[in-house]
Amino acid sequence: MTDTSSTSSRLDELEIRIAHQDQTIEDLNAAITAQWKLIDRLERQVVRLAERVADSEQAVSEAAPVNRPPPHY
């Protein structure tokens, strides 16, 4: 009788352990998905900012130089 009780107890412990592992896997998957979305959004933002910087640098280089006297005048 104790063998059946011990087996049943071990089986219950394994089922509980599997349930916790399943929940952990789901939590990790949700975290990875959220991080992937954030990384994707940040990568797109970096591309847009790089384009804006390039446009600004081009605009500055194309601008006519300002004819001002040096500051010591």
PDB file of N, CA and C in Angstrom:
ATOM      1  N   MET A   1       0.814  -1.193   0.000  1.00  0.00           N
ATOM      2  CA  MET A   1       0.000   0.000   0.000  1.00  0.00           C
ATOM      3  C   MET A   1       0.861   1.262   0.000  1.00  0.00           C
ATOM      4  N   THR A   2       1.962   1.232   0.707  1.00  0.00           N
ATOM      5  CA  THR A   2       2.826   2.409   0.748  1.00  0.00           C
ATOM      6  C   THR A   2       3.476   2.668  -0.595  1.00  0.00           C
ATOM      7  N   ASP A   3       3.696   1.615  -1.377  1.00  0.00           N
ATOM      8  CA  ASP A   3       4.286   1.792  -2.697  1.00  0.00           C
ATOM      9  C   ASP A   3       3.338   2.572  -3.603  1.00  0.00           C
ATOM     10  N   THR A   4       2.037   2.266  -3.542  1.00  0.00           N
ATOM     11  CA  THR A   4       1.045   2.973  -4.340  1.00  0.00           C
ATOM     12  C   THR A   4       0.926   4.420  -3.876  1.00  0.00           C
ATOM     13  N   SER A   5       0.956   4.621  -2.586  1.00  0.00           N
ATOM     14  CA  SER A   5       0.873   5.968  -2.023  1.00  0.00           C
ATOM     15  C   SER A   5       2.094   6.785  -2.421  1.00  0.00           C
ATOM     16  N   SER A   6       3.260   6.165  -2.377  1.00  0.00           N
ATOM     17  CA  SER A   6       4.495   6.847  -2.755  1.00  0.00           C
ATOM     18  C   SER A   6       4.483   7.193  -4.242  1.00  0.00           C
ATOM     19  N   THR A   7       4.001   6.268  -5.065  1.00  0.00           N
ATOM     20  CA  THR A   7       3.928   6.502  -6.507  1.00  0.00           C
ATOM     21  C   THR A   7       2.944   7.618  -6.809  1.00  0.00           C
ATOM     22  N   SER A   8       1.821   7.590  -6.134  1.00  0.00           N
ATOM     23  CA  SER A   8       0.813   8.634  -6.336  1.00  0.00           C
ATOM     24  C   SER A   8       1.351   9.999  -5.921  1.00  0.00           C
ATOM     25  N   SER A   9       2.072  10.024  -4.817  1.00  0.00           N
ATOM     26  CA  SER A   9       2.652  11.276  -4.329  1.00  0.00           C
ATOM     27  C   SER A   9       3.685  11.802  -5.324  1.00  0.00           C
ATOM     28  N   ARG A  10       4.536  10.904  -5.824  1.00  0.00           N
ATOM     29  CA  ARG A  10       5.539  11.311  -6.811  1.00  0.00           C
ATOM     30  C   ARG A  10       4.873  11.820  -8.079  1.00  0.00           C
ATOM     31  N   LEU A  11       3.813  11.152  -8.510  1.00  0.00           N
ATOM     32  CA  LEU A  11       3.094  11.567  -9.704  1.00  0.00           C
ATOM     33  C   LEU A  11       2.482  12.957  -9.517  1.00  0.00           C
ATOM     34  N   ASP A  12       1.904  13.185  -8.338  1.00  0.00           N
ATOM     35  CA  ASP A  12       1.330  14.507  -8.039  1.00  0.00           C
ATOM     36  C   ASP A  12       2.415  15.591  -8.079  1.00  0.00           C
ATOM     37  N   GLU A  13       3.576  15.287  -7.499  1.00  0.00           N
ATOM     38  CA  GLU A  13       4.675  16.260  -7.493  1.00  0.00           C
ATOM     39  C   GLU A  13       5.143  16.563  -8.912  1.00  0.00           C
ATOM     40  N   LEU A  14       5.227  15.526  -9.743  1.00  0.00           N
ATOM     41  CA  LEU A  14       5.637  15.734 -11.133  1.00  0.00           C
ATOM     42  C   LEU A  14       4.619  16.563 -11.906  1.00  0.00           C
ATOM     43  N   GLU A  15       3.345  16.314 -11.671  1.00  0.00           N
ATOM     44  CA  GLU A  15       2.307  17.096 -12.349  1.00  0.00           C
ATOM     45  C   GLU A  15       2.362  18.553 -11.925  1.00  0.00           C
ATOM     46  N   ILE A  16       2.593  18.801 -10.649  1.00  0.00           N
ATOM     47  CA  ILE A  16       2.707  20.175 -10.152  1.00  0.00           C
ATOM     48  C   ILE A  16       3.926  20.850 -10.768  1.00  0.00           C
ATOM     49  N   ARG A  17       5.031  20.120 -10.817  1.00  0.00           N
ATOM     50  CA  ARG A  17       6.257  20.659 -11.396  1.00  0.00           C
ATOM     51  C   ARG A  17       6.060  21.011 -12.870  1.00  0.00           C
ATOM     52  N   ILE A  18       5.402  20.144 -13.615  1.00  0.00           N
ATOM     53  CA  ILE A  18       5.151  20.400 -15.034  1.00  0.00           C
ATOM     54  C   ILE A  18       4.250  21.621 -15.209  1.00  0.00           C
ATOM     55  N   ALA A  19       3.251  21.758 -14.349  1.00  0.00           N
ATOM     56  CA  ALA A  19       2.361  22.915 -14.444  1.00  0.00           C
ATOM     57  C   ALA A  19       3.139  24.207 -14.217  1.00  0.00           C
ATOM     58  N   HIS A  20       4.039  24.210 -13.229  1.00  0.00           N
ATOM     59  CA  HIS A  20       4.855  25.401 -12.971  1.00  0.00           C
ATOM     60  C   HIS A  20       5.807  25.677 -14.131  1.00  0.00           C
ATOM     61  N   GLN A  21       6.373  24.628 -14.710  1.00  0.00           N
ATOM     62  CA  GLN A  21       7.277  24.816 -15.836  1.00  0.00           C
ATOM     63  C   GLN A  21       6.521  25.352 -17.054  1.00  0.00           C
ATOM     64  N   ASP A  22       5.318  24.870 -17.283  1.00  0.00           N
ATOM     65  CA  ASP A  22       4.509  25.385 -18.389  1.00  0.00           C
ATOM     66  C   ASP A  22       4.220  26.873 -18.208  1.00  0.00           C
ATOM     67  N   GLN A  23       3.894  27.267 -16.980  1.00  0.00           N
ATOM     68  CA  GLN A  23       3.612  28.678 -16.714  1.00  0.00           C
ATOM     69  C   GLN A  23       4.867  29.523 -16.908  1.00  0.00           C
ATOM     70  N   THR A  24       6.010  29.004 -16.470  1.00  0.00           N
ATOM     71  CA  THR A  24       7.271  29.725 -16.645  1.00  0.00           C
ATOM     72  C   THR A  24       7.595  29.900 -18.126  1.00  0.00           C
ATOM     73  N   ILE A  25       7.377  28.858 -18.911  1.00  0.00           N
ATOM     74  CA  ILE A  25       7.628  28.945 -20.347  1.00  0.00           C
ATOM     75  C   ILE A  25       6.716  29.979 -20.990  1.00  0.00           C
ATOM     76  N   GLU A  26       5.454  30.014 -20.604  1.00  0.00           N
ATOM     77  CA  GLU A  26       4.527  31.012 -21.146  1.00  0.00           C
ATOM     78  C   GLU A  26       4.950  32.418 -20.751  1.00  0.00           C
ATOM     79  N   ASP A  27       5.385  32.605 -19.508  1.00  0.00           N
ATOM     80  CA  ASP A  27       5.844  33.921 -19.046  1.00  0.00           C
ATOM     81  C   ASP A  27       7.082  34.371 -19.818  1.00  0.00           C
ATOM     82  N   LEU A  28       8.034  33.445 -20.011  1.00  0.00           N
ATOM     83  CA  LEU A  28       9.239  33.788 -20.757  1.00  0.00           C
ATOM     84  C   LEU A  28       8.919  34.114 -22.211  1.00  0.00           C
ATOM     85  N   ASN A  29       7.998  33.379 -22.791  1.00  0.00           N
ATOM     86  CA  ASN A  29       7.605  33.653 -24.173  1.00  0.00           C
ATOM     87  C   ASN A  29       6.980  35.043 -24.287  1.00  0.00           C
ATOM     88  N   ALA A  30       6.142  35.403 -23.328  1.00  0.00           N
ATOM     89  CA  ALA A  30       5.521  36.730 -23.341  1.00  0.00           C
ATOM     90  C   ALA A  30       6.581  37.823 -23.198  1.00  0.00           C
ATOM     91  N   ALA A  31       7.565  37.596 -22.331  1.00  0.00           N
ATOM     92  CA  ALA A  31       8.625  38.588 -22.137  1.00  0.00           C
ATOM     93  C   ALA A  31       9.460  38.738 -23.408  1.00  0.00           C
ATOM     94  N   ILE A  32       9.784  37.633 -24.040  1.00  0.00           N
ATOM     95  CA  ILE A  32      10.579  37.683 -25.270  1.00  0.00           C
ATOM     96  C   ILE A  32       9.803  38.395 -26.374  1.00  0.00           C
ATOM     97  N   THR A  33       8.522  38.112 -26.482  1.00  0.00           N
ATOM     98  CA  THR A  33       7.694  38.760 -27.503  1.00  0.00           C
ATOM     99  C   THR A  33       7.641  40.267 -27.280  1.00  0.00           C
ATOM    100  N   ALA A  34       7.460  40.679 -26.026  1.00  0.00           N
ATOM    101  CA  ALA A  34       7.419  42.112 -25.712  1.00  0.00           C
ATOM    102  C   ALA A  34       8.762  42.771 -26.023  1.00  0.00           C
ATOM    103  N   GLN A  35       9.856  42.103 -25.690  1.00  0.00           N
ATOM    104  CA  GLN A  35      11.174  42.663 -25.968  1.00  0.00           C
ATOM    105  C   GLN A  35      11.420  42.752 -27.474  1.00  0.00           C
ATOM    106  N   TRP A  36      10.990  41.755 -28.213  1.00  0.00           N
ATOM    107  CA  TRP A  36      11.172  41.776 -29.665  1.00  0.00           C
ATOM    108  C   TRP A  36      10.427  42.958 -30.273  1.00  0.00           C
ATOM    109  N   LYS A  37       9.196  43.199 -29.807  1.00  0.00           N
ATOM    110  CA  LYS A  37       8.421  44.330 -30.324  1.00  0.00           C
ATOM    111  C   LYS A  37       9.113  45.648 -29.992  1.00  0.00           C
ATOM    112  N   LEU A  38       9.641  45.757 -28.777  1.00  0.00           N
ATOM    113  CA  LEU A  38      10.342  46.980 -28.373  1.00  0.00           C
ATOM    114  C   LEU A  38      11.599  47.186 -29.206  1.00  0.00           C
ATOM    115  N   ILE A  39      12.372  46.135 -29.405  1.00  0.00           N
ATOM    116  CA  ILE A  39      13.590  46.232 -30.215  1.00  0.00           C
ATOM    117  C   ILE A  39      13.244  46.648 -31.640  1.00  0.00           C
ATOM    118  N   ASP A  40      12.200  46.063 -32.190  1.00  0.00           N
ATOM    119  CA  ASP A  40      11.788  46.408 -33.555  1.00  0.00           C
ATOM    120  C   ASP A  40      11.416  47.884 -33.644  1.00  0.00           C
ATOM    121  N   ARG A  41      10.648  48.369 -32.668  1.00  0.00           N
ATOM    122  CA  ARG A  41      10.253  49.777 -32.659  1.00  0.00           C
ATOM    123  C   ARG A  41      11.472  50.685 -32.524  1.00  0.00           C
ATOM    124  N   LEU A  42      12.413  50.318 -31.653  1.00  0.00           N
ATOM    125  CA  LEU A  42      13.603  51.130 -31.458  1.00  0.00           C
ATOM    126  C   LEU A  42      14.500  51.130 -32.692  1.00  0.00           C
ATOM    127  N   GLU A  43      14.590  50.009 -33.368  1.00  0.00           N
ATOM    128  CA  GLU A  43      15.385  49.965 -34.602  1.00  0.00           C
ATOM    129  C   GLU A  43      14.796  50.889 -35.663  1.00  0.00           C
ATOM    130  N   ARG A  44      13.477  50.893 -35.784  1.00  0.00           N
ATOM    131  CA  ARG A  44      12.842  51.793 -36.754  1.00  0.00           C
ATOM    132  C   ARG A  44      13.076  53.245 -36.366  1.00  0.00           C
ATOM    133  N   GLN A  45      13.043  53.536 -35.078  1.00  0.00           N
ATOM    134  CA  GLN A  45      13.272  54.905 -34.611  1.00  0.00           C
ATOM    135  C   GLN A  45      14.712  55.329 -34.891  1.00  0.00           C
ATOM    136  N   VAL A  46      15.660  54.448 -34.694  1.00  0.00           N
ATOM    137  CA  VAL A  46      17.060  54.766 -34.968  1.00  0.00           C
ATOM    138  C   VAL A  46      17.251  55.062 -36.451  1.00  0.00           C
ATOM    139  N   VAL A  47      16.615  54.299 -37.315  1.00  0.00           N
ATOM    140  CA  VAL A  47      16.717  54.545 -38.759  1.00  0.00           C
ATOM    141  C   VAL A  47      16.161  55.922 -39.096  1.00  0.00           C
ATOM    142  N   ARG A  48      14.998  56.256 -38.532  1.00  0.00           N
ATOM    143  CA  ARG A  48      14.407  57.575 -38.796  1.00  0.00           C
ATOM    144  C   ARG A  48      15.318  58.697 -38.298  1.00  0.00           C
ATOM    145  N   LEU A  49      15.887  58.533 -37.105  1.00  0.00           N
ATOM    146  CA  LEU A  49      16.772  59.564 -36.563  1.00  0.00           C
ATOM    147  C   LEU A  49      18.041  59.704 -37.398  1.00  0.00           C
ATOM    148  N   ALA A  50      18.572  58.587 -37.872  1.00  0.00           N
ATOM    149  CA  ALA A  50      19.764  58.650 -38.726  1.00  0.00           C
ATOM    150  C   ALA A  50      19.451  59.396 -40.019  1.00  0.00           C
ATOM    151  N   GLU A  51      18.269  59.174 -40.565  1.00  0.00           N
ATOM    152  CA  GLU A  51      17.870  59.893 -41.775  1.00  0.00           C
ATOM    153  C   GLU A  51      17.741  61.387 -41.494  1.00  0.00           C
ATOM    154  N   ARG A  52      17.175  61.736 -40.339  1.00  0.00           N
ATOM    155  CA  ARG A  52      17.033  63.154 -39.995  1.00  0.00           C
ATOM    156  C   ARG A  52      18.392  63.817 -39.819  1.00  0.00           C
ATOM    157  N   VAL A  53      19.326  63.116 -39.191  1.00  0.00           N
ATOM    158  CA  VAL A  53      20.671  63.669 -39.001  1.00  0.00           C
ATOM    159  C   VAL A  53      21.344  63.857 -40.357  1.00  0.00           C
ATOM    160  N   ALA A  54      21.218  62.865 -41.220  1.00  0.00           N
ATOM    161  CA  ALA A  54      21.822  62.972 -42.552  1.00  0.00           C
ATOM    162  C   ALA A  54      21.216  64.144 -43.320  1.00  0.00           C
ATOM    163  N   ASP A  55      19.899  64.306 -43.242  1.00  0.00           N
ATOM    164  CA  ASP A  55      19.243  65.432 -43.912  1.00  0.00           C
ATOM    165  C   ASP A  55      19.727  66.762 -43.340  1.00  0.00           C
ATOM    166  N   SER A  56      19.868  66.831 -42.018  1.00  0.00           N
ATOM    167  CA  SER A  56      20.337  68.070 -41.380  1.00  0.00           C
ATOM    168  C   SER A  56      21.756  68.394 -41.799  1.00  0.00           C
ATOM    169  N   GLU A  57      22.620  67.373 -41.838  1.00  0.00           N
ATOM    170  CA  GLU A  57      24.004  67.604 -42.251  1.00  0.00           C
ATOM    171  C   GLU A  57      24.062  68.072 -43.701  1.00  0.00           C
ATOM    172  N   GLN A  58      23.230  67.504 -44.533  1.00  0.00           N
ATOM    173  CA  GLN A  58      23.206  67.896 -45.935  1.00  0.00           C
ATOM    174  C   GLN A  58      22.699  69.327 -46.073  1.00  0.00           C
ATOM    175  N   ALA A  59      21.678  69.688 -45.301  1.00  0.00           N
ATOM    176  CA  ALA A  59      21.136  71.045 -45.368  1.00  0.00           C
ATOM    177  C   ALA A  59      22.169  72.066 -44.906  1.00  0.00           C
ATOM    178  N   VAL A  60      22.922  71.714 -43.881  1.00  0.00           N
ATOM    179  CA  VAL A  60      23.946  72.636 -43.376  1.00  0.00           C
ATOM    180  C   VAL A  60      25.058  72.799 -44.398  1.00  0.00           C
ATOM    181  N   SER A  61      25.452  71.722 -45.035  1.00  0.00           N
ATOM    182  CA  SER A  61      26.540  71.824 -46.008  1.00  0.00           C
ATOM    183  C   SER A  61      26.105  72.561 -47.272  1.00  0.00           C
ATOM    184  N   GLU A  62      24.826  72.527 -47.594  1.00  0.00           N
ATOM    185  CA  GLU A  62      24.316  73.212 -48.784  1.00  0.00           C
ATOM    186  C   GLU A  62      23.978  74.677 -48.518  1.00  0.00           C
ATOM    187  N   ALA A  63      23.863  75.040 -47.266  1.00  0.00           N
ATOM    188  CA  ALA A  63      23.485  76.415 -46.927  1.00  0.00           C
ATOM    189  C   ALA A  63      24.610  77.367 -47.326  1.00  0.00           C
ATOM    190  N   ALA A  64      24.194  78.553 -47.747  1.00  0.00           N
ATOM    191  CA  ALA A  64      25.166  79.576 -48.131  1.00  0.00           C
ATOM    192  C   ALA A  64      25.902  80.049 -46.882  1.00  0.00           C
ATOM    193  N   PRO A  65      27.207  80.241 -46.990  1.00  0.00           N
ATOM    194  CA  PRO A  65      27.942  80.709 -45.812  1.00  0.00           C
ATOM    195  C   PRO A  65      27.481  82.102 -45.415  1.00  0.00           C
ATOM    196  N   VAL A  66      27.466  82.336 -44.160  1.00  0.00           N
ATOM    197  CA  VAL A  66      27.042  83.633 -43.640  1.00  0.00           C
ATOM    198  C   VAL A  66      28.230  84.595 -43.698  1.00  0.00           C
ATOM    199  N   ASN A  67      28.019  85.755 -44.311  1.00  0.00           N
ATOM    200  CA  ASN A  67      29.106  86.763 -44.405  1.00  0.00           C
ATOM    201  C   ASN A  67      29.023  87.696 -43.220  1.00  0.00           C
ATOM    202  N   ARG A  68      29.622  87.267 -42.143  1.00  0.00           N
ATOM    203  CA  ARG A  68      29.677  88.093 -40.938  1.00  0.00           C
ATOM    204  C   ARG A  68      31.139  88.417 -40.649  1.00  0.00           C
ATOM    205  N   PRO A  69      31.348  89.563 -40.078  1.00  0.00           N
ATOM    206  CA  PRO A  69      32.731  89.864 -39.709  1.00  0.00           C
ATOM    207  C   PRO A  69      33.147  88.969 -38.538  1.00  0.00           C
ATOM    208  N   PRO A  70      34.409  88.706 -38.419  1.00  0.00           N
ATOM    209  CA  PRO A  70      34.878  87.902 -37.274  1.00  0.00           C
ATOM    210  C   PRO A  70      34.500  88.587 -35.966  1.00  0.00           C
ATOM    211  N   PRO A  71      34.461  87.856 -34.892  1.00  0.00           N
ATOM    212  CA  PRO A  71      34.016  88.420 -33.622  1.00  0.00           C
ATOM    213  C   PRO A  71      34.916  89.522 -33.061  1.00  0.00           C
ATOM    214  N   HIS A  72      36.142  89.646 -33.510  1.00  0.00           N
ATOM    215  CA  HIS A  72      37.038  90.678 -32.962  1.00  0.00           C
ATOM    216  C   HIS A  72      36.785  92.055 -33.585  1.00  0.00           C
ATOM    217  N   TYR A  73      35.904  92.177 -34.569  1.00  0.00           N
ATOM    218  CA  TYR A  73      35.606  93.475 -35.185  1.00  0.00           C
ATOM    219  C   TYR A  73      34.594  94.229 -34.388  1.00  0.00           C
TER     220      TYR A  73
END
